[in-house]
Amino acid sequence: MKVISISVRIGGLSDLVNEWVQRYFDHLSRGTIAEGAVIRIERIPTTFRCDECGHVFPADPRTREAILCPLCASAEMTLATGRECFVQQIEVV
């Protein structure tokens, strides 16, 4: 058995850099069935859920601009996506 690829989903707020994820994995997987496997990274966009109306919308908190709900203009919201980091699929032969 050999691991060919690993699909990973990473949230948009993560500071993980794709190239370094692969490099770290290459280092850690030496001598294992996963040696040489390719890490496929899918970025999950950052979204917020408005606490007032429930609308979910994309926004980037790194812009330093105030984030307001595009439907009701509320500033009360909860992070819905953006901090995830999980393995979605492992391809093995």
PDB file of N, CA and C in Angstrom:
ATOM      1  N   MET A   1       0.855  -1.175   0.000  1.00  0.00           N
ATOM      2  CA  MET A   1       0.000   0.000   0.000  1.00  0.00           C
ATOM      3  C   MET A   1       0.901   1.239   0.000  1.00  0.00           C
ATOM      4  N   LYS A   2       0.473   2.259  -0.760  1.00  0.00           N
ATOM      5  CA  LYS A   2       1.232   3.519  -0.857  1.00  0.00           C
ATOM      6  C   LYS A   2       0.259   4.687  -0.967  1.00  0.00           C
ATOM      7  N   VAL A   3       0.538   5.750  -0.227  1.00  0.00           N
ATOM      8  CA  VAL A   3      -0.271   6.972  -0.302  1.00  0.00           C
ATOM      9  C   VAL A   3       0.221   7.784  -1.491  1.00  0.00           C
ATOM     10  N   ILE A   4      -0.694   8.121  -2.405  1.00  0.00           N
ATOM     11  CA  ILE A   4      -0.372   8.886  -3.612  1.00  0.00           C
ATOM     12  C   ILE A   4      -0.597  10.384  -3.392  1.00  0.00           C
ATOM     13  N   SER A   5      -1.740  10.711  -2.785  1.00  0.00           N
ATOM     14  CA  SER A   5      -2.043  12.119  -2.553  1.00  0.00           C
ATOM     15  C   SER A   5      -2.938  12.268  -1.333  1.00  0.00           C
ATOM     16  N   ILE A   6      -2.903  13.465  -0.774  1.00  0.00           N
ATOM     17  CA  ILE A   6      -3.753  13.814   0.360  1.00  0.00           C
ATOM     18  C   ILE A   6      -4.396  15.156   0.043  1.00  0.00           C
ATOM     19  N   SER A   7      -5.721  15.180   0.066  1.00  0.00           N
ATOM     20  CA  SER A   7      -6.461  16.426  -0.180  1.00  0.00           C
ATOM     21  C   SER A   7      -6.798  17.061   1.165  1.00  0.00           C
ATOM     22  N   VAL A   8      -6.409  18.316   1.295  1.00  0.00           N
ATOM     23  CA  VAL A   8      -6.585  19.047   2.556  1.00  0.00           C
ATOM     24  C   VAL A   8      -7.379  20.318   2.276  1.00  0.00           C
ATOM     25  N   ARG A   9      -8.308  20.641   3.171  1.00  0.00           N
ATOM     26  CA  ARG A   9      -9.050  21.902   3.074  1.00  0.00           C
ATOM     27  C   ARG A   9      -8.555  22.806   4.185  1.00  0.00           C
ATOM     28  N   ILE A  10      -8.157  24.025   3.803  1.00  0.00           N
ATOM     29  CA  ILE A  10      -7.610  24.984   4.755  1.00  0.00           C
ATOM     30  C   ILE A  10      -8.369  26.310   4.634  1.00  0.00           C
ATOM     31  N   GLY A  11      -8.791  26.835   5.756  1.00  0.00           N
ATOM     32  CA  GLY A  11      -9.534  28.092   5.788  1.00  0.00           C
ATOM     33  C   GLY A  11      -8.700  29.286   5.363  1.00  0.00           C
ATOM     34  N   GLY A  12      -9.364  30.262   4.804  1.00  0.00           N
ATOM     35  CA  GLY A  12      -8.722  31.463   4.285  1.00  0.00           C
ATOM     36  C   GLY A  12      -7.995  32.303   5.326  1.00  0.00           C
ATOM     37  N   LEU A  13      -8.315  32.133   6.596  1.00  0.00           N
ATOM     38  CA  LEU A  13      -7.636  32.893   7.638  1.00  0.00           C
ATOM     39  C   LEU A  13      -6.365  32.209   8.129  1.00  0.00           C
ATOM     40  N   SER A  14      -6.122  31.022   7.628  1.00  0.00           N
ATOM     41  CA  SER A  14      -4.926  30.286   8.049  1.00  0.00           C
ATOM     42  C   SER A  14      -3.677  30.945   7.490  1.00  0.00           C
ATOM     43  N   ASP A  15      -2.618  30.901   8.276  1.00  0.00           N
ATOM     44  CA  ASP A  15      -1.333  31.426   7.823  1.00  0.00           C
ATOM     45  C   ASP A  15      -0.486  30.345   7.160  1.00  0.00           C
ATOM     46  N   LEU A  16      -1.043  29.145   6.973  1.00  0.00           N
ATOM     47  CA  LEU A  16      -0.295  28.066   6.338  1.00  0.00           C
ATOM     48  C   LEU A  16      -0.056  28.382   4.863  1.00  0.00           C
ATOM     49  N   VAL A  17       1.182  28.268   4.438  1.00  0.00           N
ATOM     50  CA  VAL A  17       1.565  28.515   3.050  1.00  0.00           C
ATOM     51  C   VAL A  17       1.654  27.168   2.342  1.00  0.00           C
ATOM     52  N   ASN A  18       0.992  27.049   1.189  1.00  0.00           N
ATOM     53  CA  ASN A  18       0.909  25.781   0.470  1.00  0.00           C
ATOM     54  C   ASN A  18       2.265  25.109   0.301  1.00  0.00           C
ATOM     55  N   GLU A  19       3.248  25.848  -0.146  1.00  0.00           N
ATOM     56  CA  GLU A  19       4.576  25.289  -0.397  1.00  0.00           C
ATOM     57  C   GLU A  19       5.179  24.699   0.874  1.00  0.00           C
ATOM     58  N   TRP A  20       4.993  25.379   1.992  1.00  0.00           N
ATOM     59  CA  TRP A  20       5.572  24.904   3.248  1.00  0.00           C
ATOM     60  C   TRP A  20       4.819  23.709   3.799  1.00  0.00           C
ATOM     61  N   VAL A  21       3.516  23.640   3.572  1.00  0.00           N
ATOM     62  CA  VAL A  21       2.754  22.457   3.985  1.00  0.00           C
ATOM     63  C   VAL A  21       3.337  21.230   3.297  1.00  0.00           C
ATOM     64  N   GLN A  22       3.594  21.335   1.991  1.00  0.00           N
ATOM     65  CA  GLN A  22       4.171  20.214   1.250  1.00  0.00           C
ATOM     66  C   GLN A  22       5.577  19.885   1.756  1.00  0.00           C
ATOM     67  N   ARG A  23       6.378  20.913   2.004  1.00  0.00           N
ATOM     68  CA  ARG A  23       7.747  20.675   2.484  1.00  0.00           C
ATOM     69  C   ARG A  23       7.760  19.980   3.848  1.00  0.00           C
ATOM     70  N   TYR A  24       6.929  20.447   4.762  1.00  0.00           N
ATOM     71  CA  TYR A  24       6.856  19.817   6.079  1.00  0.00           C
ATOM     72  C   TYR A  24       6.395  18.371   5.948  1.00  0.00           C
ATOM     73  N   PHE A  25       5.390  18.158   5.118  1.00  0.00           N
ATOM     74  CA  PHE A  25       4.886  16.802   4.919  1.00  0.00           C
ATOM     75  C   PHE A  25       5.970  15.908   4.335  1.00  0.00           C
ATOM     76  N   ASP A  26       6.706  16.410   3.343  1.00  0.00           N
ATOM     77  CA  ASP A  26       7.792  15.623   2.743  1.00  0.00           C
ATOM     78  C   ASP A  26       8.807  15.211   3.806  1.00  0.00           C
ATOM     79  N   HIS A  27       9.129  16.139   4.689  1.00  0.00           N
ATOM     80  CA  HIS A  27      10.091  15.847   5.754  1.00  0.00           C
ATOM     81  C   HIS A  27       9.541  14.794   6.723  1.00  0.00           C
ATOM     82  N   LEU A  28       8.297  14.973   7.155  1.00  0.00           N
ATOM     83  CA  LEU A  28       7.708  14.075   8.152  1.00  0.00           C
ATOM     84  C   LEU A  28       7.375  12.692   7.601  1.00  0.00           C
ATOM     85  N   SER A  29       7.161  12.589   6.297  1.00  0.00           N
ATOM     86  CA  SER A  29       6.730  11.311   5.717  1.00  0.00           C
ATOM     87  C   SER A  29       7.886  10.446   5.212  1.00  0.00           C
ATOM     88  N   ARG A  30       9.108  10.924   5.321  1.00  0.00           N
ATOM     89  CA  ARG A  30      10.250  10.121   4.866  1.00  0.00           C
ATOM     90  C   ARG A  30      10.248   8.761   5.550  1.00  0.00           C
ATOM     91  N   GLY A  31      10.427   7.718   4.706  1.00  0.00           N
ATOM     92  CA  GLY A  31      10.494   6.369   5.239  1.00  0.00           C
ATOM     93  C   GLY A  31       9.153   5.752   5.582  1.00  0.00           C
ATOM     94  N   THR A  32       8.060   6.410   5.204  1.00  0.00           N
ATOM     95  CA  THR A  32       6.715   5.878   5.477  1.00  0.00           C
ATOM     96  C   THR A  32       6.012   5.570   4.160  1.00  0.00           C
ATOM     97  N   ILE A  33       4.833   4.982   4.232  1.00  0.00           N
ATOM     98  CA  ILE A  33       4.064   4.688   3.012  1.00  0.00           C
ATOM     99  C   ILE A  33       3.568   5.970   2.335  1.00  0.00           C
ATOM    100  N   ALA A  34       3.687   7.097   3.009  1.00  0.00           N
ATOM    101  CA  ALA A  34       3.247   8.375   2.449  1.00  0.00           C
ATOM    102  C   ALA A  34       4.389   9.155   1.801  1.00  0.00           C
ATOM    103  N   GLU A  35       5.598   8.617   1.832  1.00  0.00           N
ATOM    104  CA  GLU A  35       6.731   9.325   1.231  1.00  0.00           C
ATOM    105  C   GLU A  35       6.467   9.557  -0.256  1.00  0.00           C
ATOM    106  N   GLY A  36       6.647  10.790  -0.692  1.00  0.00           N
ATOM    107  CA  GLY A  36       6.430  11.158  -2.089  1.00  0.00           C
ATOM    108  C   GLY A  36       5.000  11.554  -2.425  1.00  0.00           C
ATOM    109  N   ALA A  37       4.086  11.464  -1.465  1.00  0.00           N
ATOM    110  CA  ALA A  37       2.690  11.840  -1.727  1.00  0.00           C
ATOM    111  C   ALA A  37       2.581  13.344  -1.950  1.00  0.00           C
ATOM    112  N   VAL A  38       1.620  13.717  -2.772  1.00  0.00           N
ATOM    113  CA  VAL A  38       1.365  15.118  -3.090  1.00  0.00           C
ATOM    114  C   VAL A  38       0.243  15.628  -2.194  1.00  0.00           C
ATOM    115  N   ILE A  39       0.449  16.800  -1.625  1.00  0.00           N
ATOM    116  CA  ILE A  39      -0.595  17.447  -0.829  1.00  0.00           C
ATOM    117  C   ILE A  39      -1.376  18.373  -1.761  1.00  0.00           C
ATOM    118  N   ARG A  40      -2.672  18.133  -1.876  1.00  0.00           N
ATOM    119  CA  ARG A  40      -3.547  18.991  -2.694  1.00  0.00           C
ATOM    120  C   ARG A  40      -4.345  19.858  -1.727  1.00  0.00           C
ATOM    121  N   ILE A  41      -4.159  21.163  -1.849  1.00  0.00           N
ATOM    122  CA  ILE A  41      -4.772  22.092  -0.898  1.00  0.00           C
ATOM    123  C   ILE A  41      -5.899  22.874  -1.563  1.00  0.00           C
ATOM    124  N   GLU A  42      -7.041  22.853  -0.906  1.00  0.00           N
ATOM    125  CA  GLU A  42      -8.185  23.670  -1.329  1.00  0.00           C
ATOM    126  C   GLU A  42      -8.396  24.715  -0.244  1.00  0.00           C
ATOM    127  N   ARG A  43      -8.447  25.961  -0.629  1.00  0.00           N
ATOM    128  CA  ARG A  43      -8.670  27.056   0.319  1.00  0.00           C
ATOM    129  C   ARG A  43     -10.168  27.304   0.477  1.00  0.00           C
ATOM    130  N   ILE A  44     -10.605  27.384   1.709  1.00  0.00           N
ATOM    131  CA  ILE A  44     -12.006  27.669   2.011  1.00  0.00           C
ATOM    132  C   ILE A  44     -12.122  29.168   2.258  1.00  0.00           C
ATOM    133  N   PRO A  45     -13.004  29.853   1.533  1.00  0.00           N
ATOM    134  CA  PRO A  45     -13.134  31.296   1.726  1.00  0.00           C
ATOM    135  C   PRO A  45     -13.644  31.633   3.132  1.00  0.00           C
ATOM    136  N   THR A  46     -13.272  32.796   3.592  1.00  0.00           N
ATOM    137  CA  THR A  46     -13.731  33.277   4.893  1.00  0.00           C
ATOM    138  C   THR A  46     -15.142  33.838   4.740  1.00  0.00           C
ATOM    139  N   THR A  47     -16.054  33.336   5.560  1.00  0.00           N
ATOM    140  CA  THR A  47     -17.429  33.836   5.535  1.00  0.00           C
ATOM    141  C   THR A  47     -17.891  34.129   6.957  1.00  0.00           C
ATOM    142  N   PHE A  48     -18.862  35.018   7.053  1.00  0.00           N
ATOM    143  CA  PHE A  48     -19.453  35.388   8.330  1.00  0.00           C
ATOM    144  C   PHE A  48     -20.952  35.156   8.278  1.00  0.00           C
ATOM    145  N   ARG A  49     -21.557  34.884   9.437  1.00  0.00           N
ATOM    146  CA  ARG A  49     -23.009  34.751   9.556  1.00  0.00           C
ATOM    147  C   ARG A  49     -23.500  35.911  10.402  1.00  0.00           C
ATOM    148  N   CYS A  50     -24.411  36.682   9.841  1.00  0.00           N
ATOM    149  CA  CYS A  50     -24.977  37.829  10.550  1.00  0.00           C
ATOM    150  C   CYS A  50     -25.811  37.335  11.734  1.00  0.00           C
ATOM    151  N   ASP A  51     -25.539  37.888  12.915  1.00  0.00           N
ATOM    152  CA  ASP A  51     -26.283  37.505  14.111  1.00  0.00           C
ATOM    153  C   ASP A  51     -27.705  38.060  14.104  1.00  0.00           C
ATOM    154  N   GLU A  52     -27.950  39.083  13.314  1.00  0.00           N
ATOM    155  CA  GLU A  52     -29.286  39.698  13.256  1.00  0.00           C
ATOM    156  C   GLU A  52     -30.213  38.988  12.280  1.00  0.00           C
ATOM    157  N   CYS A  53     -29.747  38.788  11.032  1.00  0.00           N
ATOM    158  CA  CYS A  53     -30.642  38.232  10.003  1.00  0.00           C
ATOM    159  C   CYS A  53     -30.248  36.829   9.531  1.00  0.00           C
ATOM    160  N   GLY A  54     -29.078  36.338   9.944  1.00  0.00           N
ATOM    161  CA  GLY A  54     -28.659  34.986   9.579  1.00  0.00           C
ATOM    162  C   GLY A  54     -27.995  34.848   8.224  1.00  0.00           C
ATOM    163  N   HIS A  55     -27.864  35.946   7.484  1.00  0.00           N
ATOM    164  CA  HIS A  55     -27.244  35.902   6.159  1.00  0.00           C
ATOM    165  C   HIS A  55     -25.768  35.523   6.274  1.00  0.00           C
ATOM    166  N   VAL A  56     -25.316  34.608   5.402  1.00  0.00           N
ATOM    167  CA  VAL A  56     -23.906  34.214   5.364  1.00  0.00           C
ATOM    168  C   VAL A  56     -23.276  34.880   4.147  1.00  0.00           C
ATOM    169  N   PHE A  57     -22.132  35.541   4.361  1.00  0.00           N
ATOM    170  CA  PHE A  57     -21.519  36.298   3.275  1.00  0.00           C
ATOM    171  C   PHE A  57     -19.997  36.263   3.402  1.00  0.00           C
ATOM    172  N   PRO A  58     -19.290  36.368   2.262  1.00  0.00           N
ATOM    173  CA  PRO A  58     -17.824  36.380   2.300  1.00  0.00           C
ATOM    174  C   PRO A  58     -17.309  37.758   2.714  1.00  0.00           C
ATOM    175  N   ALA A  59     -16.210  37.758   3.448  1.00  0.00           N
ATOM    176  CA  ALA A  59     -15.558  39.014   3.832  1.00  0.00           C
ATOM    177  C   ALA A  59     -14.136  38.692   4.266  1.00  0.00           C
ATOM    178  N   ASP A  60     -13.255  39.656   4.116  1.00  0.00           N
ATOM    179  CA  ASP A  60     -11.869  39.479   4.514  1.00  0.00           C
ATOM    180  C   ASP A  60     -11.552  40.430   5.659  1.00  0.00           C
ATOM    181  N   PRO A  61     -11.435  39.900   6.885  1.00  0.00           N
ATOM    182  CA  PRO A  61     -11.169  40.772   8.028  1.00  0.00           C
ATOM    183  C   PRO A  61      -9.773  41.388   8.010  1.00  0.00           C
ATOM    184  N   ARG A  62      -8.913  40.917   7.143  1.00  0.00           N
ATOM    185  CA  ARG A  62      -7.551  41.453   7.072  1.00  0.00           C
ATOM    186  C   ARG A  62      -7.491  42.816   6.378  1.00  0.00           C
ATOM    187  N   THR A  63      -8.569  43.233   5.740  1.00  0.00           N
ATOM    188  CA  THR A  63      -8.575  44.515   5.031  1.00  0.00           C
ATOM    189  C   THR A  63      -8.665  45.699   5.993  1.00  0.00           C
ATOM    190  N   ARG A  64      -9.004  45.441   7.238  1.00  0.00           N
ATOM    191  CA  ARG A  64      -9.155  46.459   8.278  1.00  0.00           C
ATOM    192  C   ARG A  64     -10.361  47.375   8.046  1.00  0.00           C
ATOM    193  N   GLU A  65     -11.169  47.055   7.066  1.00  0.00           N
ATOM    194  CA  GLU A  65     -12.410  47.805   6.863  1.00  0.00           C
ATOM    195  C   GLU A  65     -13.486  47.189   7.751  1.00  0.00           C
ATOM    196  N   ALA A  66     -14.424  47.996   8.166  1.00  0.00           N
ATOM    197  CA  ALA A  66     -15.525  47.481   8.977  1.00  0.00           C
ATOM    198  C   ALA A  66     -16.319  46.463   8.162  1.00  0.00           C
ATOM    199  N   ILE A  67     -16.648  45.357   8.788  1.00  0.00           N
ATOM    200  CA  ILE A  67     -17.443  44.329   8.106  1.00  0.00           C
ATOM    201  C   ILE A  67     -18.879  44.487   8.558  1.00  0.00           C
ATOM    202  N   LEU A  68     -19.745  44.718   7.594  1.00  0.00           N
ATOM    203  CA  LEU A  68     -21.168  44.875   7.855  1.00  0.00           C
ATOM    204  C   LEU A  68     -21.945  43.891   6.993  1.00  0.00           C
ATOM    205  N   CYS A  69     -23.053  43.413   7.512  1.00  0.00           N
ATOM    206  CA  CYS A  69     -23.908  42.511   6.744  1.00  0.00           C
ATOM    207  C   CYS A  69     -24.426  43.254   5.516  1.00  0.00           C
ATOM    208  N   PRO A  70     -24.271  42.666   4.327  1.00  0.00           N
ATOM    209  CA  PRO A  70     -24.751  43.345   3.118  1.00  0.00           C
ATOM    210  C   PRO A  70     -26.273  43.425   3.017  1.00  0.00           C
ATOM    211  N   LEU A  71     -27.004  42.645   3.819  1.00  0.00           N
ATOM    212  CA  LEU A  71     -28.468  42.692   3.770  1.00  0.00           C
ATOM    213  C   LEU A  71     -29.071  43.664   4.774  1.00  0.00           C
ATOM    214  N   CYS A  72     -28.567  43.630   6.023  1.00  0.00           N
ATOM    215  CA  CYS A  72     -29.203  44.457   7.058  1.00  0.00           C
ATOM    216  C   CYS A  72     -28.258  45.491   7.675  1.00  0.00           C
ATOM    217  N   ALA A  73     -27.000  45.505   7.251  1.00  0.00           N
ATOM    218  CA  ALA A  73     -25.979  46.455   7.711  1.00  0.00           C
ATOM    219  C   ALA A  73     -25.579  46.280   9.176  1.00  0.00           C
ATOM    220  N   SER A  74     -25.924  45.155   9.774  1.00  0.00           N
ATOM    221  CA  SER A  74     -25.525  44.895  11.157  1.00  0.00           C
ATOM    222  C   SER A  74     -24.025  44.617  11.224  1.00  0.00           C
ATOM    223  N   ALA A  75     -23.421  45.017  12.337  1.00  0.00           N
ATOM    224  CA  ALA A  75     -22.005  44.739  12.568  1.00  0.00           C
ATOM    225  C   ALA A  75     -21.829  43.551  13.518  1.00  0.00           C
ATOM    226  N   GLU A  76     -22.938  42.949  13.930  1.00  0.00           N
ATOM    227  CA  GLU A  76     -22.907  41.798  14.837  1.00  0.00           C
ATOM    228  C   GLU A  76     -22.901  40.525  14.007  1.00  0.00           C
ATOM    229  N   MET A  77     -21.775  39.799  14.060  1.00  0.00           N
ATOM    230  CA  MET A  77     -21.675  38.590  13.246  1.00  0.00           C
ATOM    231  C   MET A  77     -20.763  37.576  13.901  1.00  0.00           C
ATOM    232  N   THR A  78     -20.825  36.354  13.363  1.00  0.00           N
ATOM    233  CA  THR A  78     -20.018  35.246  13.848  1.00  0.00           C
ATOM    234  C   THR A  78     -19.256  34.661  12.665  1.00  0.00           C
ATOM    235  N   LEU A  79     -18.004  34.305  12.893  1.00  0.00           N
ATOM    236  CA  LEU A  79     -17.217  33.669  11.849  1.00  0.00           C
ATOM    237  C   LEU A  79     -17.861  32.329  11.505  1.00  0.00           C
ATOM    238  N   ALA A  80     -18.174  32.118  10.231  1.00  0.00           N
ATOM    239  CA  ALA A  80     -18.803  30.863   9.789  1.00  0.00           C
ATOM    240  C   ALA A  80     -17.767  29.899   9.218  1.00  0.00           C
ATOM    241  N   THR A  81     -16.876  30.395   8.369  1.00  0.00           N
ATOM    242  CA  THR A  81     -15.804  29.566   7.806  1.00  0.00           C
ATOM    243  C   THR A  81     -14.539  30.405   7.711  1.00  0.00           C
ATOM    244  N   GLY A  82     -13.400  29.712   7.681  1.00  0.00           N
ATOM    245  CA  GLY A  82     -12.149  30.427   7.517  1.00  0.00           C
ATOM    246  C   GLY A  82     -11.023  29.921   8.401  1.00  0.00           C
ATOM    247  N   ARG A  83     -11.351  29.163   9.442  1.00  0.00           N
ATOM    248  CA  ARG A  83     -10.324  28.648  10.353  1.00  0.00           C
ATOM    249  C   ARG A  83     -10.127  27.135  10.223  1.00  0.00           C
ATOM    250  N   GLU A  84     -10.780  26.493   9.255  1.00  0.00           N
ATOM    251  CA  GLU A  84     -10.714  25.047   9.111  1.00  0.00           C
ATOM    252  C   GLU A  84      -9.336  24.583   8.654  1.00  0.00           C
ATOM    253  N   CYS A  85      -9.026  23.369   9.006  1.00  0.00           N
ATOM    254  CA  CYS A  85      -7.849  22.681   8.483  1.00  0.00           C
ATOM    255  C   CYS A  85      -8.095  21.197   8.705  1.00  0.00           C
ATOM    256  N   PHE A  86      -8.482  20.496   7.631  1.00  0.00           N
ATOM    257  CA  PHE A  86      -8.761  19.075   7.792  1.00  0.00           C
ATOM    258  C   PHE A  86      -8.464  18.304   6.513  1.00  0.00           C
ATOM    259  N   VAL A  87      -8.209  17.023   6.704  1.00  0.00           N
ATOM    260  CA  VAL A  87      -7.959  16.126   5.582  1.00  0.00           C
ATOM    261  C   VAL A  87      -9.301  15.732   4.995  1.00  0.00           C
ATOM    262  N   GLN A  88      -9.464  15.952   3.709  1.00  0.00           N
ATOM    263  CA  GLN A  88     -10.708  15.613   3.032  1.00  0.00           C
ATOM    264  C   GLN A  88     -10.638  14.225   2.419  1.00  0.00           C
ATOM    265  N   GLN A  89      -9.478  13.867   1.872  1.00  0.00           N
ATOM    266  CA  GLN A  89      -9.365  12.588   1.152  1.00  0.00           C
ATOM    267  C   GLN A  89      -7.914  12.132   1.125  1.00  0.00           C
ATOM    268  N   ILE A  90      -7.704  10.829   1.208  1.00  0.00           N
ATOM    269  CA  ILE A  90      -6.367  10.241   1.058  1.00  0.00           C
ATOM    270  C   ILE A  90      -6.460   9.209  -0.060  1.00  0.00           C
ATOM    271  N   GLU A  91      -5.625   9.382  -1.095  1.00  0.00           N
ATOM    272  CA  GLU A  91      -5.614   8.457  -2.237  1.00  0.00           C
ATOM    273  C   GLU A  91      -4.519   7.411  -2.001  1.00  0.00           C
ATOM    274  N   VAL A  92      -4.911   6.142  -1.979  1.00  0.00           N
ATOM    275  CA  VAL A  92      -3.999   5.044  -1.698  1.00  0.00           C
ATOM    276  C   VAL A  92      -4.084   4.021  -2.818  1.00  0.00           C
ATOM    277  N   VAL A  93      -2.928   3.455  -3.178  1.00  0.00           N
ATOM    278  CA  VAL A  93      -2.911   2.362  -4.172  1.00  0.00           C
ATOM    279  C   VAL A  93      -2.207   1.165  -3.574  1.00  0.00           C
TER     280      VAL A  93
END
